[in-house]
Amino acid sequence: MSITSNEFTKDPDALLDYMVDWTKWLGTDTISLSTWIVPTGITKHADTNTTKTGTIELLGGAVDKTYEVVNRIDTDGGRINDQTIVIHIKDK
């Protein structure tokens, strides 16, 4: 899923992936490094990136809690930027 909204609802038992599409912001630049800052209480299962996107798989989270997860990128052009996604945990 490409981020058009920065907010998502997730069941605590679901293992789901979330993608940040940096294409418009990057222009002709490309991602050299993508890291994720994940708060305590929700688990990063895996992460990957391409030259234009960063993707994370998240597991867990406490019901009725909200988590802010940050994708930080470094680019080949020497820029650094963050994009925050908000994950609301609800029983589904």
Protein backbone atom coordinates (compact mmCIF):
# COMPACT_ATOMS: atom_id res chain seq x y z
CA MET A 1 0.00 0.00 0.00
CA SER A 2 1.36 3.36 -0.94
CA ILE A 3 0.90 6.09 1.61
CA THR A 4 -1.85 8.48 0.62
CA SER A 5 -2.92 8.78 4.21
CA ASN A 6 -0.48 8.54 7.07
CA GLU A 7 -2.93 6.74 9.37
CA PHE A 8 -3.87 3.07 9.44
CA THR A 9 -5.84 0.72 11.69
CA LYS A 10 -4.36 -2.68 12.47
CA ASP A 11 -5.53 -5.70 14.46
CA PRO A 12 -2.99 -6.69 17.14
CA ASP A 13 -2.76 -10.23 15.70
CA ALA A 14 -2.21 -9.10 12.10
CA LEU A 15 1.18 -9.06 10.38
CA LEU A 16 0.88 -6.30 7.78
CA ASP A 17 3.21 -4.30 5.57
CA TYR A 18 3.22 -0.53 5.16
CA MET A 19 5.04 1.29 2.37
CA VAL A 20 6.21 4.87 2.11
CA ASP A 21 6.49 5.94 -1.53
CA TRP A 22 9.12 8.71 -1.77
CA THR A 23 8.96 9.03 -5.58
CA LYS A 24 7.52 12.57 -5.78
CA TRP A 25 9.78 13.96 -3.06
CA LEU A 26 12.91 12.32 -4.48
CA GLY A 27 12.55 13.49 -8.07
CA THR A 28 15.63 12.04 -9.82
CA ASP A 29 17.40 11.29 -6.50
CA THR A 30 17.33 7.75 -5.07
CA ILE A 31 17.28 6.12 -1.64
CA SER A 32 20.66 4.81 -0.49
CA LEU A 33 19.53 3.82 3.03
CA SER A 34 16.09 3.30 4.58
CA THR A 35 15.73 2.76 8.33
CA TRP A 36 12.69 2.48 10.56
CA ILE A 37 12.24 3.92 14.04
CA VAL A 38 9.69 1.75 15.84
CA PRO A 39 8.39 2.52 19.34
CA THR A 40 8.20 -0.03 22.13
CA GLY A 41 4.97 -2.04 22.05
CA ILE A 42 4.79 -2.83 18.34
CA THR A 43 7.26 -5.12 16.56
CA LYS A 44 9.14 -4.70 13.30
CA HIS A 45 9.04 -8.14 11.68
CA ALA A 46 11.01 -7.16 8.55
CA ASP A 47 11.82 -4.21 6.34
CA THR A 48 12.93 -3.67 2.74
CA ASN A 49 13.46 -0.80 0.36
CA THR A 50 13.85 0.04 -3.29
CA THR A 51 15.41 3.16 -4.76
CA LYS A 52 12.04 4.95 -4.31
CA THR A 53 10.17 3.20 -1.46
CA GLY A 54 10.61 1.96 2.11
CA THR A 55 8.46 -0.92 3.40
CA ILE A 56 8.02 -2.32 6.91
CA GLU A 57 6.12 -5.36 8.22
CA LEU A 58 4.59 -4.74 11.65
CA LEU A 59 3.28 -7.25 14.18
CA GLY A 60 1.52 -6.80 17.50
CA GLY A 61 0.59 -3.64 19.31
CA ALA A 62 -1.73 -3.13 22.27
CA VAL A 63 -5.46 -2.67 21.67
CA ASP A 64 -6.56 0.99 21.78
CA LYS A 65 -2.95 2.22 21.56
CA THR A 66 -1.54 4.39 18.79
CA TYR A 67 2.03 4.08 17.51
CA GLU A 68 4.06 6.50 15.40
CA VAL A 69 6.51 4.66 13.16
CA VAL A 70 9.12 6.69 11.27
CA ASN A 71 10.77 5.86 7.94
CA ARG A 72 14.09 7.73 7.71
CA ILE A 73 15.88 7.79 4.37
CA ASP A 74 19.31 8.89 3.22
CA THR A 75 19.63 9.61 -0.48
CA ASP A 76 22.42 9.25 -2.99
CA GLY A 77 22.25 13.05 -3.32
CA GLY A 78 23.07 13.51 0.38
CA ARG A 79 19.59 14.40 1.65
CA ILE A 80 17.93 12.95 4.77
CA ASN A 81 14.19 12.97 5.44
CA ASP A 82 11.60 11.35 7.73
CA GLN A 83 8.03 10.25 7.06
CA THR A 84 5.82 9.24 10.01
CA ILE A 85 2.97 6.77 9.75
CA VAL A 86 0.42 6.36 12.53
CA ILE A 87 -0.85 2.90 13.42
CA HIS A 88 -4.03 2.60 15.54
CA ILE A 89 -4.47 -0.83 17.12
CA LYS A 90 -8.08 -2.10 17.22
CA ASP A 91 -9.61 -5.56 17.52
CA LYS A 92 -11.17 -6.41 14.17
